[in-house]
Protein backbone atom coordinates (compact mmCIF):
# COMPACT_ATOMS: atom_id res chain seq x y z
CA MET A 1 0.00 0.00 0.00
CA LEU A 2 1.36 3.39 -0.98
CA THR A 3 1.48 5.96 1.79
CA LYS A 4 2.28 9.63 1.35
CA ASN A 5 5.87 8.97 2.53
CA ASN A 6 6.26 6.10 0.05
CA THR A 7 4.83 8.24 -2.73
CA ASP A 8 7.20 11.08 -1.85
CA THR A 9 10.11 8.62 -1.81
CA LEU A 10 9.14 7.30 -5.26
CA ARG A 11 8.91 10.84 -6.59
CA LEU A 12 12.32 11.70 -5.15
CA ARG A 13 13.82 8.56 -6.69
CA SER A 14 12.25 9.44 -10.03
CA LEU A 15 13.71 12.92 -9.83
CA LEU A 16 17.15 11.60 -8.90
CA PHE A 17 16.98 9.12 -11.77
CA SER A 18 16.04 11.93 -14.14
CA MET A 19 19.07 13.88 -12.97
CA LEU A 20 21.22 10.84 -13.68
CA VAL A 21 19.73 10.66 -17.17
CA ILE A 22 20.46 14.34 -17.76
CA ALA A 23 24.04 13.91 -16.58
CA SER A 24 24.61 11.00 -18.94
CA SER A 25 22.73 12.39 -21.94
CA SER A 26 24.23 12.42 -25.39
CA SER A 27 23.51 14.38 -28.51
CA ALA A 28 24.56 11.52 -30.76
CA ALA A 29 21.95 9.90 -32.97
CA GLU A 30 22.74 6.37 -31.78
CA PHE A 31 22.32 4.90 -28.32
CA GLU A 32 25.36 5.63 -26.22
CA VAL A 33 24.00 5.05 -22.72
CA GLY A 34 24.66 1.58 -21.44
CA GLU A 35 26.54 -1.30 -22.95
CA PRO A 36 24.89 -3.50 -25.60
CA TRP A 37 23.85 -6.91 -24.30
CA LYS A 38 21.52 -8.39 -26.93
CA THR A 39 19.28 -7.35 -29.80
CA ILE A 40 15.99 -9.06 -30.54
CA GLU A 41 13.65 -8.12 -33.39
CA GLY A 42 14.27 -4.38 -33.24
CA TRP A 43 14.70 -4.09 -29.48
CA GLN A 44 18.14 -3.46 -28.03
CA ILE A 45 18.76 -4.72 -24.52
CA ARG A 46 21.53 -2.75 -22.79
CA VAL A 47 23.18 -2.58 -19.36
CA ASP A 48 23.59 0.73 -17.53
CA ARG A 49 26.66 0.36 -15.32
CA SER A 50 25.98 3.78 -13.70
CA LEU A 51 22.77 2.31 -12.23
CA ASP A 52 24.47 -0.73 -10.65
CA ASN A 53 24.10 -2.92 -13.75
CA SER A 54 20.46 -2.08 -14.44
CA CYS A 55 19.16 -3.50 -17.71
CA PHE A 56 16.86 -1.72 -20.14
CA LEU A 57 15.33 -2.30 -23.54
CA ILE A 58 15.09 0.41 -26.15
CA ARG A 59 13.77 0.84 -29.67
CA ARG A 60 14.28 3.75 -32.03
CA TYR A 61 11.62 4.24 -34.70
CA PRO A 62 12.11 5.54 -38.29
CA ASP A 63 11.00 9.08 -37.29
CA ASN A 64 13.68 9.04 -34.50
CA SER A 65 11.07 8.59 -31.77
CA LEU A 66 12.18 6.20 -29.06
CA LEU A 67 10.77 3.97 -26.36
CA GLN A 68 12.78 2.66 -23.42
CA LEU A 69 11.71 0.46 -20.50
CA GLY A 70 14.16 -0.43 -17.81
CA TYR A 71 15.13 -1.34 -14.30
CA ASN A 72 16.50 1.19 -11.84
CA LYS A 73 18.32 -1.22 -9.54
CA PRO A 74 19.37 1.34 -6.87
CA SER A 75 15.70 2.23 -6.24
CA GLN A 76 14.39 -1.30 -6.91
CA SER A 77 11.94 0.08 -9.46
CA MET A 78 11.29 0.41 -13.16
CA TYR A 79 10.91 3.37 -15.47
CA ILE A 80 9.60 4.19 -18.93
CA MET A 81 11.08 6.73 -21.31
CA VAL A 82 9.41 7.94 -24.50
CA GLY A 83 10.60 10.64 -26.83
CA SER A 84 10.12 12.37 -30.13
CA PRO A 85 12.14 15.00 -32.02
CA SER A 86 8.89 16.99 -32.37
CA TRP A 87 8.57 17.43 -28.59
CA GLN A 88 10.48 20.70 -28.28
CA SER A 89 7.80 22.65 -26.37
CA LEU A 90 8.72 21.71 -22.79
CA GLU A 91 11.60 22.99 -20.70
CA ALA A 92 14.05 20.39 -19.40
CA GLY A 93 13.16 19.15 -15.94
CA GLU A 94 9.53 20.26 -16.22
CA LYS A 95 7.10 17.74 -14.69
CA GLN A 96 4.15 16.78 -16.93
CA PRO A 97 1.22 14.38 -16.75
CA ILE A 98 1.39 12.00 -19.69
CA THR A 99 -1.23 9.57 -20.87
CA LEU A 100 -0.23 6.08 -21.96
CA ARG A 101 -2.72 3.89 -23.81
CA PHE A 102 -1.79 0.32 -24.76
CA GLY A 103 -3.93 -0.71 -27.73
CA HIS A 104 -7.55 -0.07 -26.78
CA ALA A 105 -6.99 -0.51 -23.02
CA GLU A 106 -7.95 2.14 -20.50
CA PRO A 107 -5.52 5.08 -20.51
CA ARG A 108 -2.99 5.44 -17.71
CA VAL A 109 -1.94 8.89 -16.55
CA ILE A 110 1.50 9.15 -14.95
CA GLN A 111 3.86 11.99 -14.05
CA ALA A 112 6.99 12.37 -16.17
CA ASN A 113 10.00 14.68 -16.36
CA ARG A 114 11.18 16.14 -19.66
CA VAL A 115 14.89 15.58 -20.31
CA GLU A 116 17.16 15.37 -23.34
CA GLN A 117 18.43 11.88 -24.18
CA TYR A 118 20.04 10.46 -27.31
CA GLY A 119 19.63 13.88 -28.93
CA VAL A 120 15.83 13.71 -28.58
CA PRO A 121 13.47 15.37 -26.05
CA VAL A 122 12.07 12.57 -23.88
CA LEU A 123 9.66 12.11 -21.01
CA VAL A 124 10.84 9.76 -18.26
CA ALA A 125 8.62 8.40 -15.50
CA GLY A 126 9.23 6.08 -12.59
CA LEU A 127 6.77 3.19 -12.60
CA GLY A 128 7.39 1.68 -9.17
CA PRO A 129 8.57 -1.79 -8.12
CA TYR A 130 8.45 -4.47 -10.81
CA GLU A 131 6.39 -6.79 -8.60
CA LYS A 132 3.56 -4.23 -8.56
CA LEU A 133 3.49 -3.67 -12.33
CA GLY A 134 1.66 -6.82 -13.45
CA ASP A 135 -1.08 -5.15 -15.51
CA PHE A 136 1.29 -2.56 -16.94
CA MET A 137 3.85 -5.18 -17.99
CA ASN A 138 1.16 -7.46 -19.45
CA GLU A 139 -0.16 -4.60 -21.58
CA PHE A 140 3.36 -3.62 -22.65
CA MET A 141 4.13 -7.19 -23.69
CA LEU A 142 0.79 -8.20 -25.23
CA LYS A 143 -0.59 -5.09 -26.92
CA HIS A 144 0.48 -4.08 -30.42
CA SER A 145 0.84 -0.34 -29.90
CA LEU A 146 1.37 2.40 -27.35
CA ARG A 147 -0.14 5.85 -27.74
CA VAL A 148 1.55 8.59 -25.69
CA GLU A 149 -0.05 11.98 -25.17
CA TYR A 150 1.01 15.02 -23.22
CA PRO A 151 -0.34 18.57 -23.17
CA ASN A 152 0.45 20.84 -26.13
CA ALA A 153 2.12 18.14 -28.20
CA ALA A 154 1.23 15.78 -31.00
CA ALA A 155 0.32 12.29 -29.83
CA LEU A 156 2.95 9.65 -30.42
CA ARG A 157 1.91 6.17 -31.59
CA LEU A 158 4.58 3.49 -31.23
CA SER A 159 4.58 -0.12 -32.36
CA LEU A 160 5.16 -2.69 -29.63
CA LYS A 161 5.91 -5.45 -32.15
CA SER A 162 7.97 -8.21 -30.49
CA SER A 163 7.81 -6.47 -27.10
CA PHE A 164 6.95 -9.81 -25.48
CA LYS A 165 10.28 -11.24 -26.65
CA GLY A 166 12.10 -8.02 -25.77
CA VAL A 167 10.78 -8.01 -22.19
CA ALA A 168 11.65 -11.71 -21.79
CA VAL A 169 15.27 -10.94 -22.76
CA LEU A 170 15.23 -7.85 -20.51
CA LYS A 171 14.22 -10.04 -17.55
CA ASP A 172 17.00 -12.53 -18.38
CA CYS A 173 19.51 -9.69 -18.57
CA GLN A 174 18.51 -8.32 -15.17
CA LYS A 175 18.58 -11.77 -13.55
CA ARG A 176 22.10 -12.27 -14.87
CA PHE A 177 23.34 -8.89 -13.68
CA ASP A 178 21.58 -9.14 -10.31
CA LYS A 179 24.04 -11.94 -9.55
CA MET A 180 26.98 -9.59 -10.15
CA GLU A 181 28.37 -7.05 -7.72
CA PRO A 182 28.16 -3.43 -8.89
CA GLU A 183 31.44 -1.99 -10.17
CA LYS A 184 33.16 0.35 -7.71
CA ASP A 185 34.52 3.70 -8.83
């Protein structure tokens, strides 16, 4: 059960994660955050050593939009990141409600921070602990598309083709790296 203190803690963790993302952002067109682990049907699975070997999956679309889902091992939670080159209207760090709709399922409204990543404006949101994301993960894996909306911007429709396979490999990646000790600076 989420209490106000737990909610505040999750928000703080989301903000701290966003700051980490900003600090590691790149203006290059290709993915430079994390080390490649595997690629499966358009999804890249990568390992972010700066987040204690947290795994994530990412896909870049032909219009340079991107979708990333990953673990944040230090906070024992997951996050989603979506972005589009056309999303220039928000200031970095600005908190926004975004609406996610998987296929024809009920929309989900979550809070996200706008940051720059991979040379594209993105919205990143903490999702909470993996164990509590059953419905969200099922929709991500089983639906064919994701529609993302936020105020004053064009809606983004992204294919989730092969996301079931991508998430399965993401889980394998995290299991493997959970067995490893984080690298010390």
